[in-house]
Amino acid sequence: MSNEIDKMLNEAFEFAEDGNYFDALRLYDLALKKEPDNIGALVDKGVTLQNMGRLKFAIRLYNKALAISPNNLDAILNKGAALHSDQKYQTAIECYDAALRIDKKCAMALAYKGLSLGELGQLDDAIKHFKKALSIDHHYDLANISKNIAQELLKSIKEKKTKIQ
């Protein structure tokens, strides 16, 4: 990758971080015009689109990145997150499972899978995934917060059942 494209991608990333999505997209497009198979540019442009709520376009970019590099964890995890945001939880879980086949200690894939399982009402399973993510990365806030929420939900469901009987 050339220095020029490196600079463009770094600048685009900065724009995106600042919420200046349109300038970021312009730079990603310039970089991709010069290097259409640049995985980093494809994934980061996808993330920018995802942050703008343009999920289907983001997923298309992740798919393009995965066609070039099928084991790219960033593309797989971001695709899963976009599918989750689009309420396609089962398909999101397939992405997280694919990520875990590549790296079974991927705390992010475990935690994200836990979130999708939680959305599907599979709280016990969700908690297991959050705990596993935390056993790999003790400081993983998302997993810790989500585990606590899922455990509270599970407790309130059990209490309701007890009251009904």
N, C-alpha and C. Protein backbone atom coordinates (compact mmCIF):
# COMPACT_ATOMS: atom_id res chain seq x y z
N MET A 1 0.85 -1.19 0.00
CA MET A 1 0.00 0.00 0.00
C MET A 1 0.89 1.24 0.00
N SER A 2 0.55 2.19 -0.84
CA SER A 2 1.38 3.38 -0.96
C SER A 2 1.17 4.32 0.22
N ASN A 3 2.16 5.19 0.43
CA ASN A 3 2.07 6.21 1.48
C ASN A 3 0.89 7.12 1.26
N GLU A 4 0.64 7.46 0.00
CA GLU A 4 -0.45 8.37 -0.35
C GLU A 4 -1.79 7.79 0.11
N ILE A 5 -1.98 6.52 -0.15
CA ILE A 5 -3.24 5.87 0.24
C ILE A 5 -3.32 5.73 1.76
N ASP A 6 -2.18 5.40 2.38
CA ASP A 6 -2.12 5.37 3.85
C ASP A 6 -2.60 6.68 4.45
N LYS A 7 -2.07 7.79 3.92
CA LYS A 7 -2.44 9.12 4.42
C LYS A 7 -3.94 9.36 4.23
N MET A 8 -4.43 8.99 3.05
CA MET A 8 -5.86 9.18 2.75
C MET A 8 -6.73 8.41 3.74
N LEU A 9 -6.37 7.15 3.99
CA LEU A 9 -7.16 6.30 4.88
C LEU A 9 -7.09 6.80 6.32
N ASN A 10 -5.91 7.27 6.75
CA ASN A 10 -5.79 7.83 8.10
C ASN A 10 -6.65 9.08 8.25
N GLU A 11 -6.62 9.92 7.23
CA GLU A 11 -7.41 11.15 7.26
C GLU A 11 -8.92 10.81 7.24
N ALA A 12 -9.28 9.84 6.41
CA ALA A 12 -10.68 9.41 6.34
C ALA A 12 -11.14 8.89 7.69
N PHE A 13 -10.28 8.09 8.33
CA PHE A 13 -10.60 7.54 9.64
C PHE A 13 -10.83 8.66 10.65
N GLU A 14 -9.95 9.67 10.64
CA GLU A 14 -10.09 10.82 11.54
C GLU A 14 -11.43 11.53 11.30
N PHE A 15 -11.75 11.77 10.02
CA PHE A 15 -13.03 12.41 9.68
C PHE A 15 -14.19 11.59 10.27
N ALA A 16 -14.15 10.28 10.05
CA ALA A 16 -15.23 9.41 10.52
C ALA A 16 -15.33 9.47 12.05
N GLU A 17 -14.19 9.44 12.74
CA GLU A 17 -14.16 9.51 14.20
C GLU A 17 -14.83 10.80 14.70
N ASP A 18 -14.64 11.88 13.94
CA ASP A 18 -15.22 13.18 14.31
C ASP A 18 -16.66 13.32 13.86
N GLY A 19 -17.22 12.26 13.23
CA GLY A 19 -18.60 12.32 12.76
C GLY A 19 -18.75 13.06 11.45
N ASN A 20 -17.64 13.33 10.79
CA ASN A 20 -17.65 14.03 9.51
C ASN A 20 -17.68 12.98 8.39
N TYR A 21 -18.82 12.27 8.32
CA TYR A 21 -18.93 11.07 7.48
C TYR A 21 -18.78 11.34 5.99
N PHE A 22 -19.31 12.46 5.52
CA PHE A 22 -19.29 12.69 4.07
C PHE A 22 -17.87 12.91 3.56
N ASP A 23 -17.04 13.64 4.33
CA ASP A 23 -15.64 13.82 3.94
C ASP A 23 -14.90 12.49 4.04
N ALA A 24 -15.23 11.69 5.04
CA ALA A 24 -14.60 10.37 5.19
C ALA A 24 -14.92 9.52 3.95
N LEU A 25 -16.21 9.49 3.57
CA LEU A 25 -16.61 8.67 2.42
C LEU A 25 -15.91 9.11 1.14
N ARG A 26 -15.77 10.43 0.98
CA ARG A 26 -15.10 10.97 -0.21
C ARG A 26 -13.67 10.42 -0.28
N LEU A 27 -12.97 10.41 0.84
CA LEU A 27 -11.59 9.91 0.86
C LEU A 27 -11.53 8.39 0.67
N TYR A 28 -12.47 7.67 1.28
CA TYR A 28 -12.49 6.21 1.07
C TYR A 28 -12.71 5.91 -0.41
N ASP A 29 -13.61 6.65 -1.04
CA ASP A 29 -13.87 6.45 -2.47
C ASP A 29 -12.63 6.73 -3.31
N LEU A 30 -11.90 7.77 -2.98
CA LEU A 30 -10.65 8.09 -3.70
C LEU A 30 -9.64 6.96 -3.55
N ALA A 31 -9.49 6.47 -2.33
CA ALA A 31 -8.55 5.38 -2.06
C ALA A 31 -8.97 4.13 -2.82
N LEU A 32 -10.28 3.84 -2.82
CA LEU A 32 -10.77 2.62 -3.48
C LEU A 32 -10.70 2.74 -5.01
N LYS A 33 -10.72 3.96 -5.52
CA LYS A 33 -10.56 4.15 -6.96
C LYS A 33 -9.15 3.71 -7.37
N LYS A 34 -8.17 4.02 -6.50
CA LYS A 34 -6.77 3.66 -6.78
C LYS A 34 -6.48 2.20 -6.44
N GLU A 35 -7.10 1.71 -5.37
CA GLU A 35 -6.89 0.31 -4.92
C GLU A 35 -8.24 -0.32 -4.58
N PRO A 36 -8.96 -0.81 -5.59
CA PRO A 36 -10.32 -1.34 -5.36
C PRO A 36 -10.36 -2.52 -4.39
N ASP A 37 -9.25 -3.24 -4.22
CA ASP A 37 -9.24 -4.41 -3.34
C ASP A 37 -8.64 -4.12 -1.97
N ASN A 38 -8.55 -2.85 -1.59
CA ASN A 38 -7.97 -2.48 -0.30
C ASN A 38 -8.97 -2.83 0.81
N ILE A 39 -8.66 -3.91 1.54
CA ILE A 39 -9.56 -4.43 2.57
C ILE A 39 -9.85 -3.38 3.64
N GLY A 40 -8.81 -2.71 4.12
CA GLY A 40 -8.97 -1.69 5.15
C GLY A 40 -9.94 -0.59 4.71
N ALA A 41 -9.79 -0.15 3.49
CA ALA A 41 -10.67 0.91 2.97
C ALA A 41 -12.10 0.41 2.85
N LEU A 42 -12.27 -0.83 2.37
CA LEU A 42 -13.62 -1.40 2.23
C LEU A 42 -14.31 -1.51 3.60
N VAL A 43 -13.57 -2.05 4.56
CA VAL A 43 -14.16 -2.26 5.90
C VAL A 43 -14.45 -0.91 6.57
N ASP A 44 -13.48 0.01 6.52
CA ASP A 44 -13.68 1.30 7.18
C ASP A 44 -14.79 2.13 6.52
N LYS A 45 -14.90 2.02 5.19
CA LYS A 45 -16.01 2.70 4.51
C LYS A 45 -17.34 2.06 4.97
N GLY A 46 -17.34 0.74 5.12
CA GLY A 46 -18.52 0.04 5.62
C GLY A 46 -18.91 0.51 7.01
N VAL A 47 -17.91 0.66 7.89
CA VAL A 47 -18.17 1.13 9.25
C VAL A 47 -18.76 2.54 9.22
N THR A 48 -18.23 3.38 8.35
CA THR A 48 -18.74 4.76 8.23
C THR A 48 -20.20 4.73 7.79
N LEU A 49 -20.50 3.93 6.77
CA LEU A 49 -21.89 3.82 6.30
C LEU A 49 -22.79 3.26 7.41
N GLN A 50 -22.27 2.28 8.13
CA GLN A 50 -23.02 1.67 9.25
C GLN A 50 -23.35 2.74 10.30
N ASN A 51 -22.37 3.59 10.61
CA ASN A 51 -22.59 4.67 11.58
C ASN A 51 -23.63 5.67 11.09
N MET A 52 -23.80 5.74 9.77
CA MET A 52 -24.80 6.64 9.19
C MET A 52 -26.17 5.96 9.10
N GLY A 53 -26.22 4.68 9.51
CA GLY A 53 -27.47 3.94 9.46
C GLY A 53 -27.75 3.33 8.10
N ARG A 54 -26.76 3.34 7.22
CA ARG A 54 -26.93 2.77 5.88
C ARG A 54 -26.41 1.33 5.89
N LEU A 55 -27.20 0.47 6.56
CA LEU A 55 -26.75 -0.89 6.88
C LEU A 55 -26.57 -1.76 5.64
N LYS A 56 -27.50 -1.69 4.71
CA LYS A 56 -27.42 -2.57 3.54
C LYS A 56 -26.17 -2.26 2.71
N PHE A 57 -25.85 -0.97 2.57
CA PHE A 57 -24.63 -0.58 1.84
C PHE A 57 -23.39 -1.05 2.58
N ALA A 58 -23.42 -0.94 3.91
CA ALA A 58 -22.28 -1.38 4.72
C ALA A 58 -22.07 -2.88 4.54
N ILE A 59 -23.15 -3.65 4.63
CA ILE A 59 -23.06 -5.11 4.49
C ILE A 59 -22.49 -5.48 3.12
N ARG A 60 -22.90 -4.74 2.09
CA ARG A 60 -22.38 -4.99 0.74
C ARG A 60 -20.86 -4.82 0.71
N LEU A 61 -20.34 -3.80 1.39
CA LEU A 61 -18.89 -3.58 1.43
C LEU A 61 -18.19 -4.67 2.21
N TYR A 62 -18.78 -5.10 3.32
CA TYR A 62 -18.17 -6.19 4.09
C TYR A 62 -18.13 -7.46 3.24
N ASN A 63 -19.20 -7.72 2.50
CA ASN A 63 -19.22 -8.90 1.62
C ASN A 63 -18.14 -8.81 0.55
N LYS A 64 -17.92 -7.60 0.03
CA LYS A 64 -16.88 -7.41 -0.99
C LYS A 64 -15.51 -7.68 -0.37
N ALA A 65 -15.29 -7.19 0.85
CA ALA A 65 -14.02 -7.43 1.55
C ALA A 65 -13.83 -8.92 1.80
N LEU A 66 -14.92 -9.60 2.18
CA LEU A 66 -14.84 -11.04 2.48
C LEU A 66 -14.65 -11.88 1.22
N ALA A 67 -15.11 -11.36 0.08
CA ALA A 67 -14.86 -12.07 -1.19
C ALA A 67 -13.37 -12.07 -1.50
N ILE A 68 -12.68 -11.01 -1.09
CA ILE A 68 -11.24 -10.88 -1.32
C ILE A 68 -10.46 -11.63 -0.23
N SER A 69 -10.92 -11.47 1.01
CA SER A 69 -10.22 -12.03 2.17
C SER A 69 -11.25 -12.68 3.11
N PRO A 70 -11.61 -13.96 2.84
CA PRO A 70 -12.71 -14.62 3.55
C PRO A 70 -12.53 -14.73 5.07
N ASN A 71 -11.30 -14.66 5.56
CA ASN A 71 -11.07 -14.81 7.01
C ASN A 71 -10.78 -13.49 7.70
N ASN A 72 -11.15 -12.37 7.07
CA ASN A 72 -10.89 -11.07 7.68
C ASN A 72 -11.86 -10.83 8.84
N LEU A 73 -11.31 -10.88 10.07
CA LEU A 73 -12.14 -10.77 11.27
C LEU A 73 -12.89 -9.44 11.36
N ASP A 74 -12.22 -8.35 10.98
CA ASP A 74 -12.89 -7.04 11.03
C ASP A 74 -14.14 -7.03 10.16
N ALA A 75 -14.00 -7.56 8.94
CA ALA A 75 -15.14 -7.58 8.02
C ALA A 75 -16.26 -8.47 8.57
N ILE A 76 -15.89 -9.63 9.11
CA ILE A 76 -16.88 -10.58 9.63
C ILE A 76 -17.62 -9.98 10.83
N LEU A 77 -16.87 -9.42 11.78
CA LEU A 77 -17.48 -8.86 13.00
C LEU A 77 -18.36 -7.65 12.68
N ASN A 78 -17.87 -6.79 11.79
CA ASN A 78 -18.68 -5.62 11.42
C ASN A 78 -19.93 -6.00 10.65
N LYS A 79 -19.80 -7.02 9.81
CA LYS A 79 -20.99 -7.51 9.09
C LYS A 79 -22.01 -8.03 10.11
N GLY A 80 -21.54 -8.79 11.08
CA GLY A 80 -22.43 -9.30 12.13
C GLY A 80 -23.11 -8.16 12.88
N ALA A 81 -22.34 -7.14 13.22
CA ALA A 81 -22.89 -5.99 13.96
C ALA A 81 -23.94 -5.26 13.12
N ALA A 82 -23.68 -5.13 11.81
CA ALA A 82 -24.65 -4.46 10.93
C ALA A 82 -25.93 -5.29 10.82
N LEU A 83 -25.78 -6.60 10.70
CA LEU A 83 -26.95 -7.49 10.64
C LEU A 83 -27.73 -7.41 11.95
N HIS A 84 -27.02 -7.35 13.07
CA HIS A 84 -27.66 -7.23 14.38
C HIS A 84 -28.48 -5.93 14.43
N SER A 85 -27.87 -4.82 13.99
CA SER A 85 -28.56 -3.52 13.98
C SER A 85 -29.80 -3.56 13.09
N ASP A 86 -29.74 -4.41 12.05
CA ASP A 86 -30.86 -4.57 11.12
C ASP A 86 -31.86 -5.63 11.65
N GLN A 87 -31.66 -6.05 12.91
CA GLN A 87 -32.51 -7.04 13.59
C GLN A 87 -32.51 -8.41 12.92
N LYS A 88 -31.44 -8.73 12.21
CA LYS A 88 -31.26 -10.05 11.61
C LYS A 88 -30.31 -10.84 12.52
N TYR A 89 -30.85 -11.18 13.70
CA TYR A 89 -30.01 -11.74 14.77
C TYR A 89 -29.43 -13.10 14.41
N GLN A 90 -30.23 -13.96 13.79
CA GLN A 90 -29.76 -15.32 13.46
C GLN A 90 -28.60 -15.24 12.46
N THR A 91 -28.73 -14.37 11.46
CA THR A 91 -27.66 -14.22 10.46
C THR A 91 -26.43 -13.58 11.10
N ALA A 92 -26.65 -12.67 12.03
CA ALA A 92 -25.54 -12.06 12.76
C ALA A 92 -24.77 -13.14 13.52
N ILE A 93 -25.52 -14.03 14.17
CA ILE A 93 -24.89 -15.12 14.94
C ILE A 93 -24.03 -15.99 14.02
N GLU A 94 -24.49 -16.21 12.78
CA GLU A 94 -23.68 -17.00 11.82
C GLU A 94 -22.34 -16.30 11.57
N CYS A 95 -22.34 -14.97 11.52
CA CYS A 95 -21.08 -14.23 11.35
C CYS A 95 -20.18 -14.42 12.56
N TYR A 96 -20.76 -14.31 13.75
CA TYR A 96 -19.94 -14.46 14.96
C TYR A 96 -19.38 -15.88 15.07
N ASP A 97 -20.19 -16.87 14.65
CA ASP A 97 -19.69 -18.26 14.65
C ASP A 97 -18.53 -18.40 13.67
N ALA A 98 -18.65 -17.74 12.52
CA ALA A 98 -17.56 -17.78 11.52
C ALA A 98 -16.30 -17.14 12.12
N ALA A 99 -16.46 -16.04 12.83
CA ALA A 99 -15.32 -15.38 13.47
C ALA A 99 -14.69 -16.30 14.52
N LEU A 100 -15.54 -17.00 15.26
CA LEU A 100 -15.04 -17.90 16.31
C LEU A 100 -14.36 -19.14 15.74
N ARG A 101 -14.73 -19.53 14.52
CA ARG A 101 -14.02 -20.64 13.86
C ARG A 101 -12.59 -20.21 13.50
N ILE A 102 -12.42 -18.93 13.21
CA ILE A 102 -11.10 -18.39 12.87
C ILE A 102 -10.28 -18.16 14.14
N ASP A 103 -10.94 -17.60 15.17
CA ASP A 103 -10.27 -17.30 16.43
C ASP A 103 -11.23 -17.60 17.57
N LYS A 104 -11.07 -18.78 18.19
CA LYS A 104 -12.06 -19.17 19.20
C LYS A 104 -11.93 -18.34 20.49
N LYS A 105 -10.88 -17.52 20.58
CA LYS A 105 -10.72 -16.64 21.73
C LYS A 105 -11.03 -15.18 21.38
N CYS A 106 -11.88 -14.98 20.40
CA CYS A 106 -12.26 -13.62 20.00
C CYS A 106 -13.37 -13.12 20.94
N ALA A 107 -12.96 -12.34 21.96
CA ALA A 107 -13.89 -11.86 22.98
C ALA A 107 -15.04 -11.05 22.36
N MET A 108 -14.71 -10.26 21.34
CA MET A 108 -15.74 -9.43 20.72
C MET A 108 -16.82 -10.30 20.05
N ALA A 109 -16.39 -11.34 19.35
CA ALA A 109 -17.36 -12.24 18.70
C ALA A 109 -18.25 -12.91 19.75
N LEU A 110 -17.65 -13.33 20.86
CA LEU A 110 -18.43 -13.97 21.93
C LEU A 110 -19.45 -13.00 22.53
N ALA A 111 -19.02 -11.78 22.81
CA ALA A 111 -19.91 -10.79 23.42
C ALA A 111 -21.02 -10.39 22.45
N TYR A 112 -20.66 -10.15 21.19
CA TYR A 112 -21.66 -9.77 20.19
C TYR A 112 -22.67 -10.90 19.99
N LYS A 113 -22.16 -12.14 19.98
CA LYS A 113 -23.07 -13.28 19.85
C LYS A 113 -24.01 -13.31 21.05
N GLY A 114 -23.48 -13.01 22.22
CA GLY A 114 -24.31 -12.93 23.42
C GLY A 114 -25.42 -11.91 23.27
N LEU A 115 -25.10 -10.76 22.68
CA LEU A 115 -26.11 -9.72 22.46
C LEU A 115 -27.22 -10.23 21.54
N SER A 116 -26.84 -10.88 20.44
CA SER A 116 -27.83 -11.39 19.50
C SER A 116 -28.68 -12.50 20.14
N LEU A 117 -28.03 -13.38 20.91
CA LEU A 117 -28.78 -14.43 21.61
C LEU A 117 -29.77 -13.80 22.59
N GLY A 118 -29.34 -12.74 23.25
CA GLY A 118 -30.22 -12.03 24.18
C GLY A 118 -31.44 -11.46 23.46
N GLU A 119 -31.22 -10.89 22.28
CA GLU A 119 -32.33 -10.34 21.50
C GLU A 119 -33.32 -11.44 21.11
N LEU A 120 -32.79 -12.66 20.94
CA LEU A 120 -33.65 -13.80 20.57
C LEU A 120 -34.30 -14.43 21.82
N GLY A 121 -34.02 -13.85 22.99
CA GLY A 121 -34.63 -14.33 24.23
C GLY A 121 -33.90 -15.52 24.84
N GLN A 122 -32.73 -15.86 24.32
CA GLN A 122 -31.96 -16.99 24.84
C GLN A 122 -30.97 -16.48 25.89
N LEU A 123 -31.52 -16.07 27.04
CA LEU A 123 -30.72 -15.36 28.04
C LEU A 123 -29.65 -16.23 28.69
N ASP A 124 -29.96 -17.48 29.01
CA ASP A 124 -28.96 -18.35 29.64
C ASP A 124 -27.74 -18.49 28.73
N ASP A 125 -28.02 -18.73 27.45
CA ASP A 125 -26.97 -18.85 26.44
C ASP A 125 -26.19 -17.55 26.31
N ALA A 126 -26.91 -16.44 26.31
CA ALA A 126 -26.28 -15.13 26.19
C ALA A 126 -25.30 -14.92 27.34
N ILE A 127 -25.74 -15.22 28.56
CA ILE A 127 -24.89 -15.05 29.74
C ILE A 127 -23.63 -15.90 29.63
N LYS A 128 -23.77 -17.13 29.14
CA LYS A 128 -22.60 -18.01 28.95
C LYS A 128 -21.57 -17.34 28.03
N HIS A 129 -22.08 -16.74 26.94
CA HIS A 129 -21.18 -16.09 25.98
C HIS A 129 -20.51 -14.85 26.59
N PHE A 130 -21.26 -14.07 27.37
CA PHE A 130 -20.65 -12.91 28.02
C PHE A 130 -19.57 -13.34 29.01
N LYS A 131 -19.86 -14.40 29.78
CA LYS A 131 -18.88 -14.89 30.76
C LYS A 131 -17.62 -15.40 30.05
N LYS A 132 -17.82 -16.09 28.93
CA LYS A 132 -16.67 -16.61 28.18
C LYS A 132 -15.83 -15.45 27.64
N ALA A 133 -16.51 -14.40 27.13
CA ALA A 133 -15.79 -13.23 26.64
C ALA A 133 -14.99 -12.58 27.76
N LEU A 134 -15.59 -12.51 28.95
CA LEU A 134 -14.91 -11.91 30.11
C LEU A 134 -13.75 -12.78 30.60
N SER A 135 -13.86 -14.10 30.43
CA SER A 135 -12.76 -14.97 30.86
C SER A 135 -11.53 -14.77 29.96
N ILE A 136 -11.78 -14.30 28.73
CA ILE A 136 -10.67 -14.03 27.79
C ILE A 136 -10.14 -12.62 28.01
N ASP A 137 -11.08 -11.65 28.16
CA ASP A 137 -10.71 -10.25 28.34
C ASP A 137 -11.47 -9.73 29.57
N HIS A 138 -10.78 -9.69 30.69
CA HIS A 138 -11.42 -9.33 31.97
C HIS A 138 -11.97 -7.91 31.99
N HIS A 139 -11.45 -7.07 31.13
CA HIS A 139 -11.84 -5.66 31.14
C HIS A 139 -12.81 -5.33 30.02
N TYR A 140 -13.47 -6.35 29.48
CA TYR A 140 -14.36 -6.11 28.34
C TYR A 140 -15.70 -5.58 28.84
N ASP A 141 -15.85 -4.25 28.82
CA ASP A 141 -17.03 -3.58 29.38
C ASP A 141 -18.34 -4.07 28.79
N LEU A 142 -18.39 -4.18 27.45
CA LEU A 142 -19.63 -4.59 26.80
C LEU A 142 -20.12 -5.93 27.35
N ALA A 143 -19.21 -6.88 27.48
CA ALA A 143 -19.57 -8.21 27.97
C ALA A 143 -20.03 -8.13 29.43
N ASN A 144 -19.35 -7.34 30.22
CA ASN A 144 -19.68 -7.23 31.64
C ASN A 144 -21.05 -6.59 31.85
N ILE A 145 -21.27 -5.46 31.18
CA ILE A 145 -22.56 -4.76 31.30
C ILE A 145 -23.69 -5.66 30.80
N SER A 146 -23.48 -6.27 29.64
CA SER A 146 -24.51 -7.12 29.03
C SER A 146 -24.83 -8.32 29.90
N LYS A 147 -23.79 -8.92 30.50
CA LYS A 147 -23.99 -10.08 31.38
C LYS A 147 -24.88 -9.67 32.56
N ASN A 148 -24.59 -8.53 33.16
CA ASN A 148 -25.38 -8.06 34.30
C ASN A 148 -26.83 -7.80 33.91
N ILE A 149 -27.03 -7.17 32.75
CA ILE A 149 -28.40 -6.89 32.27
C ILE A 149 -29.14 -8.21 32.04
N ALA A 150 -28.49 -9.16 31.36
CA ALA A 150 -29.12 -10.45 31.06
C ALA A 150 -29.47 -11.19 32.36
N GLN A 151 -28.57 -11.13 33.34
CA GLN A 151 -28.84 -11.81 34.61
C GLN A 151 -30.02 -11.17 35.34
N GLU A 152 -30.13 -9.84 35.29
CA GLU A 152 -31.26 -9.14 35.91
C GLU A 152 -32.57 -9.53 35.21
N LEU A 153 -32.53 -9.57 33.87
CA LEU A 153 -33.72 -9.97 33.10
C LEU A 153 -34.16 -11.37 33.47
N LEU A 154 -33.18 -12.28 33.52
CA LEU A 154 -33.46 -13.67 33.84
C LEU A 154 -34.09 -13.78 35.24
N LYS A 155 -33.54 -13.02 36.19
CA LYS A 155 -34.05 -13.02 37.56
C LYS A 155 -35.51 -12.53 37.58
N SER A 156 -35.79 -11.45 36.85
CA SER A 156 -37.16 -10.91 36.86
C SER A 156 -38.14 -11.86 36.17
N ILE A 157 -37.68 -12.57 35.14
CA ILE A 157 -38.54 -13.56 34.47
C ILE A 157 -38.86 -14.70 35.43
N LYS A 158 -37.84 -15.17 36.15
CA LYS A 158 -38.05 -16.26 37.11
C LYS A 158 -38.97 -15.82 38.25
N GLU A 159 -38.82 -14.56 38.70
CA GLU A 159 -39.70 -14.05 39.76
C GLU A 159 -41.14 -13.97 39.30
N LYS A 160 -41.35 -13.54 38.06
CA LYS A 160 -42.71 -13.46 37.49
C LYS A 160 -43.33 -14.84 37.43
N LYS A 161 -42.54 -15.82 36.98
CA LYS A 161 -43.05 -17.21 36.90
C LYS A 161 -43.46 -17.72 38.28
N THR A 162 -42.65 -17.39 39.30
CA THR A 162 -42.95 -17.82 40.66
C THR A 162 -44.26 -17.20 41.14
N LYS A 163 -44.46 -15.92 40.82
CA LYS A 163 -45.68 -15.24 41.24
C LYS A 163 -46.92 -15.81 40.57
N ILE A 164 -46.76 -16.23 39.30
CA ILE A 164 -47.89 -16.76 38.52
C ILE A 164 -48.36 -18.10 39.08
N GLN A 165 -47.43 -18.95 39.48
CA GLN A 165 -47.78 -20.31 39.91
C GLN A 165 -48.51 -20.38 41.21
